[in-house]
C-alpha atoms as a PDB file:
ATOM      1  CA  MET A   1     -27.189   7.776   6.430  1.00  0.00           C
ATOM      2  CA  ARG A   2     -25.409   6.349   9.115  1.00  0.00           C
ATOM      3  CA  LYS A   3     -21.683   6.217   7.582  1.00  0.00           C
ATOM      4  CA  VAL A   4     -18.627   4.557   9.534  1.00  0.00           C
ATOM      5  CA  ARG A   5     -14.835   4.354   9.333  1.00  0.00           C
ATOM      6  CA  LEU A   6     -13.313   1.490   9.326  1.00  0.00           C
ATOM      7  CA  THR A   7      -9.515   0.866   9.525  1.00  0.00           C
ATOM      8  CA  LYS A   8      -6.920  -1.334   9.895  1.00  0.00           C
ATOM      9  CA  GLU A   9      -3.460  -1.566  10.170  1.00  0.00           C
ATOM     10  CA  PHE A  10      -0.536  -3.633   8.061  1.00  0.00           C
ATOM     11  CA  ARG A  11       3.090  -3.783   8.275  1.00  0.00           C
ATOM     12  CA  PHE A  12       5.253  -4.891   5.765  1.00  0.00           C
ATOM     13  CA  GLU A  13       9.282  -4.498   5.361  1.00  0.00           C
ATOM     14  CA  MET A  14      10.638  -3.292   1.832  1.00  0.00           C
ATOM     15  CA  ALA A  15      13.695  -1.877   0.444  1.00  0.00           C
ATOM     16  CA  HIS A  16      14.108   0.768  -2.309  1.00  0.00           C
ATOM     17  CA  ALA A  17      16.962   3.070  -3.862  1.00  0.00           C
ATOM     18  CA  LEU A  18      15.737   6.545  -5.642  1.00  0.00           C
ATOM     19  CA  TRP A  19      17.411   6.900  -8.681  1.00  0.00           C
ATOM     20  CA  ASN A  20      19.344   9.904  -9.519  1.00  0.00           C
ATOM     21  CA  TYR A  21      18.557  11.407  -6.151  1.00  0.00           C
ATOM     22  CA  ASP A  22      21.044  14.149  -4.437  1.00  0.00           C
ATOM     23  CA  GLY A  23      21.223  12.491  -0.843  1.00  0.00           C
ATOM     24  CA  LEU A  24      21.494   8.920   1.118  1.00  0.00           C
ATOM     25  CA  CYS A  25      18.618   7.789  -0.097  1.00  0.00           C
ATOM     26  CA  LYS A  26      20.398   6.876  -3.833  1.00  0.00           C
ATOM     27  CA  HIS A  27      21.508   3.443  -1.708  1.00  0.00           C
ATOM     28  CA  PHE A  28      20.068   0.317  -1.360  1.00  0.00           C
ATOM     29  CA  HIS A  29      18.294   0.492   2.218  1.00  0.00           C
ATOM     30  CA  GLY A  30      15.156  -0.791   3.260  1.00  0.00           C
ATOM     31  CA  HIS A  31      12.491  -0.118   5.842  1.00  0.00           C
ATOM     32  CA  SER A  32       9.786  -1.552   8.259  1.00  0.00           C
ATOM     33  CA  TYR A  33       7.070   0.118   6.998  1.00  0.00           C
ATOM     34  CA  ILE A  34       3.343   0.297   8.465  1.00  0.00           C
ATOM     35  CA  LEU A  35       0.408   0.699   6.578  1.00  0.00           C
ATOM     36  CA  ARG A  36      -3.311   1.786   7.415  1.00  0.00           C
ATOM     37  CA  VAL A  37      -6.358   1.370   5.046  1.00  0.00           C
ATOM     38  CA  THR A  38      -9.430   3.635   6.387  1.00  0.00           C
ATOM     39  CA  VAL A  39     -12.435   2.552   4.223  1.00  0.00           C
ATOM     40  CA  LEU A  40     -16.109   4.588   4.508  1.00  0.00           C
ATOM     41  CA  GLY A  41     -19.468   2.984   4.209  1.00  0.00           C
ATOM     42  CA  GLU A  42     -22.810   2.186   6.034  1.00  0.00           C
ATOM     43  CA  PRO A  43     -23.471  -1.048   8.006  1.00  0.00           C
ATOM     44  CA  ILE A  44     -25.093  -2.855   6.580  1.00  0.00           C
ATOM     45  CA  ALA A  45     -28.772  -3.067   7.932  1.00  0.00           C
ATOM     46  CA  ASP A  46     -29.766  -6.815   7.163  1.00  0.00           C
ATOM     47  CA  ASN A  47     -30.803  -8.566  10.249  1.00  0.00           C
ATOM     48  CA  ASN A  48     -30.690 -12.114   7.642  1.00  0.00           C
ATOM     49  CA  SER A  49     -27.078 -11.097   6.202  1.00  0.00           C
ATOM     50  CA  PRO A  50     -24.440 -13.048   9.190  1.00  0.00           C
ATOM     51  CA  LYS A  51     -22.541  -9.513   7.702  1.00  0.00           C
ATOM     52  CA  ASP A  52     -25.483  -7.358   9.790  1.00  0.00           C
ATOM     53  CA  GLY A  53     -23.710  -4.448  11.023  1.00  0.00           C
ATOM     54  CA  MET A  54     -20.680  -4.359   8.960  1.00  0.00           C
ATOM     55  CA  VAL A  55     -19.605  -2.094   6.444  1.00  0.00           C
ATOM     56  CA  LEU A  56     -16.854  -4.222   5.631  1.00  0.00           C
ATOM     57  CA  ASP A  57     -15.728  -7.368   6.938  1.00  0.00           C
ATOM     58  CA  PHE A  58     -12.440  -6.801   8.188  1.00  0.00           C
ATOM     59  CA  GLY A  59     -11.447 -10.396   6.357  1.00  0.00           C
ATOM     60  CA  VAL A  60     -12.459  -9.029   3.524  1.00  0.00           C
ATOM     61  CA  LEU A  61     -10.174  -5.807   3.620  1.00  0.00           C
ATOM     62  CA  LYS A  62      -7.025  -8.035   5.045  1.00  0.00           C
ATOM     63  CA  ARG A  63      -7.634 -10.339   2.183  1.00  0.00           C
ATOM     64  CA  ILE A  64      -8.001  -6.866  -0.187  1.00  0.00           C
ATOM     65  CA  VAL A  65      -4.999  -5.174   1.217  1.00  0.00           C
ATOM     66  CA  HIS A  66      -2.564  -8.050   1.362  1.00  0.00           C
ATOM     67  CA  GLU A  67      -3.268  -9.203  -2.748  1.00  0.00           C
ATOM     68  CA  GLU A  68      -2.374  -5.708  -3.470  1.00  0.00           C
ATOM     69  CA  VAL A  69      -0.346  -4.143  -1.459  1.00  0.00           C
ATOM     70  CA  VAL A  70       1.630  -6.777   1.874  1.00  0.00           C
ATOM     71  CA  ASP A  71       2.028 -10.056  -0.344  1.00  0.00           C
ATOM     72  CA  ARG A  72       2.989  -8.089  -3.549  1.00  0.00           C
ATOM     73  CA  MET A  73       5.294  -5.337  -1.653  1.00  0.00           C
ATOM     74  CA  ASP A  74       6.948  -7.539   1.587  1.00  0.00           C
ATOM     75  CA  HIS A  75      10.840  -8.676   0.853  1.00  0.00           C
ATOM     76  CA  THR A  76      11.012  -6.697  -2.232  1.00  0.00           C
ATOM     77  CA  VAL A  77      13.013  -4.059  -3.628  1.00  0.00           C
ATOM     78  CA  VAL A  78      11.488  -1.480  -5.350  1.00  0.00           C
ATOM     79  CA  LEU A  79      13.642   0.947  -8.386  1.00  0.00           C
ATOM     80  CA  ASN A  80      13.124   2.903 -10.795  1.00  0.00           C
ATOM     81  CA  LYS A  81      12.774   1.019 -14.253  1.00  0.00           C
ATOM     82  CA  ASN A  82      14.474   3.741 -15.135  1.00  0.00           C
ATOM     83  CA  ALA A  83      18.330   3.294 -13.031  1.00  0.00           C
ATOM     84  CA  ASP A  84      20.875   0.749 -14.612  1.00  0.00           C
ATOM     85  CA  ILE A  85      20.011  -2.623 -12.389  1.00  0.00           C
ATOM     86  CA  LYS A  86      20.600  -5.023 -15.108  1.00  0.00           C
ATOM     87  CA  GLY A  87      24.132  -6.107 -13.104  1.00  0.00           C
ATOM     88  CA  PHE A  88      21.479  -6.437 -10.308  1.00  0.00           C
ATOM     89  CA  LEU A  89      19.270  -8.071 -11.470  1.00  0.00           C
ATOM     90  CA  GLU A  90      21.386 -11.029 -12.340  1.00  0.00           C
ATOM     91  CA  ILE A  91      22.467 -11.597  -9.264  1.00  0.00           C
ATOM     92  CA  PRO A  92      20.947 -15.505  -8.249  1.00  0.00           C
ATOM     93  CA  GLN A  93      18.652 -15.067  -6.306  1.00  0.00           C
ATOM     94  CA  MET A  94      18.864 -11.495  -4.721  1.00  0.00           C
ATOM     95  CA  GLY A  95      16.414 -10.324  -8.038  1.00  0.00           C
ATOM     96  CA  GLU A  96      13.988 -12.675  -7.783  1.00  0.00           C
ATOM     97  CA  ARG A  97      11.557 -10.109  -5.779  1.00  0.00           C
ATOM     98  CA  VAL A  98      12.299  -6.607  -7.451  1.00  0.00           C
ATOM     99  CA  ILE A  99       9.601  -4.130  -8.587  1.00  0.00           C
ATOM    100  CA  LEU A 100      10.544  -2.307 -11.393  1.00  0.00           C
ATOM    101  CA  THR A 101       7.641   0.662 -10.881  1.00  0.00           C
ATOM    102  CA  ASP A 102       7.613   3.941 -14.641  1.00  0.00           C
ATOM    103  CA  TYR A 103       8.095   6.251 -11.250  1.00  0.00           C
ATOM    104  CA  GLN A 104      10.644   7.450  -8.129  1.00  0.00           C
ATOM    105  CA  PRO A 105       9.515   4.731  -5.449  1.00  0.00           C
ATOM    106  CA  THR A 106       9.129   7.216  -2.640  1.00  0.00           C
ATOM    107  CA  CYS A 107       6.541   6.965  -0.047  1.00  0.00           C
ATOM    108  CA  GLU A 108       4.626   9.342  -1.547  1.00  0.00           C
ATOM    109  CA  ASN A 109       4.267   7.643  -5.342  1.00  0.00           C
ATOM    110  CA  MET A 110       3.780   4.112  -3.669  1.00  0.00           C
ATOM    111  CA  ILE A 111       0.981   5.375  -1.712  1.00  0.00           C
ATOM    112  CA  ILE A 112      -0.658   6.867  -4.973  1.00  0.00           C
ATOM    113  CA  GLU A 113      -0.523   3.530  -6.547  1.00  0.00           C
ATOM    114  CA  MET A 114      -1.978   1.338  -3.171  1.00  0.00           C
ATOM    115  CA  ALA A 115      -4.841   3.408  -2.917  1.00  0.00           C
ATOM    116  CA  GLU A 116      -5.950   3.087  -6.786  1.00  0.00           C
ATOM    117  CA  ARG A 117      -5.160  -1.203  -6.914  1.00  0.00           C
ATOM    118  CA  ILE A 118      -7.075  -1.145  -3.549  1.00  0.00           C
ATOM    119  CA  SER A 119      -9.891   1.472  -4.061  1.00  0.00           C
ATOM    120  CA  ALA A 120     -10.538  -1.161  -7.627  1.00  0.00           C
ATOM    121  CA  ARG A 121     -10.672  -4.379  -5.227  1.00  0.00           C
ATOM    122  CA  LEU A 122     -12.975  -2.753  -2.830  1.00  0.00           C
ATOM    123  CA  PRO A 123     -17.142  -3.436  -3.405  1.00  0.00           C
ATOM    124  CA  LYS A 124     -18.808  -0.943  -4.745  1.00  0.00           C
ATOM    125  CA  GLU A 125     -20.657   0.498  -1.278  1.00  0.00           C
ATOM    126  CA  VAL A 126     -17.389   0.817   0.314  1.00  0.00           C
ATOM    127  CA  GLU A 127     -15.167   3.813   0.236  1.00  0.00           C
ATOM    128  CA  LEU A 128     -11.655   4.542   0.242  1.00  0.00           C
ATOM    129  CA  HIS A 129     -11.444   7.037   2.706  1.00  0.00           C
ATOM    130  CA  SER A 130      -7.573   7.495   3.690  1.00  0.00           C
ATOM    131  CA  LEU A 131      -4.096   5.413   3.204  1.00  0.00           C
ATOM    132  CA  ARG A 132      -1.483   6.672   5.621  1.00  0.00           C
ATOM    133  CA  LEU A 133       1.742   5.034   4.768  1.00  0.00           C
ATOM    134  CA  ASN A 134       4.662   5.541   7.458  1.00  0.00           C
ATOM    135  CA  GLU A 135       8.227   5.104   5.995  1.00  0.00           C
ATOM    136  CA  THR A 136       9.779   5.224   9.262  1.00  0.00           C
ATOM    137  CA  ALA A 137       8.753   6.049  12.705  1.00  0.00           C
ATOM    138  CA  ASN A 138       8.314   8.981  12.600  1.00  0.00           C
ATOM    139  CA  SER A 139       7.931   9.699   8.882  1.00  0.00           C
ATOM    140  CA  PHE A 140       4.617   8.845   6.759  1.00  0.00           C
ATOM    141  CA  ALA A 141       2.200   9.931   3.510  1.00  0.00           C
ATOM    142  CA  GLU A 142      -0.990  10.194   3.632  1.00  0.00           C
ATOM    143  CA  TRP A 143      -3.502   9.915   0.906  1.00  0.00           C
ATOM    144  CA  HIS A 144      -7.097  11.396   1.173  1.00  0.00           C
ATOM    145  CA  ALA A 145     -10.480  10.746  -1.107  1.00  0.00           C
ATOM    146  CA  SER A 146     -11.331  14.023  -0.355  1.00  0.00           C
ATOM    147  CA  ASP A 147      -8.151  15.876  -2.079  1.00  0.00           C
ATOM    148  CA  GLN A 148      -8.628  13.909  -5.688  1.00  0.00           C
END
């Protein structure tokens, strides 16, 4: 076997607030997120294939991650659906890009959902190896398939 890991980095802007939190993050605030996605697989060994030598075309990985994470979450406000946000959602324009989650929208919980969404879209011969989600320049969460 000749396994290779590929990593692609993505960036998006997102705001959130933590419902019932006992610190400053209970207030609306935003982050410039950096998501690093690493997949694992064997390079295609087929001289007749235009994908010869690739584990996964970086363009395919980009499309999957954009559809499942970046396009969905960029410039949104992510909130726990249990929060009392009815008035916020009724403000014209401001409530158009809101994601309500079943969980507290922490970096840790969001990376778990991202792993599930991305994994479900990868070709069967490629596996999601790891994710790293930076919430700030020096704070991040990591998800590794080997830990699951």
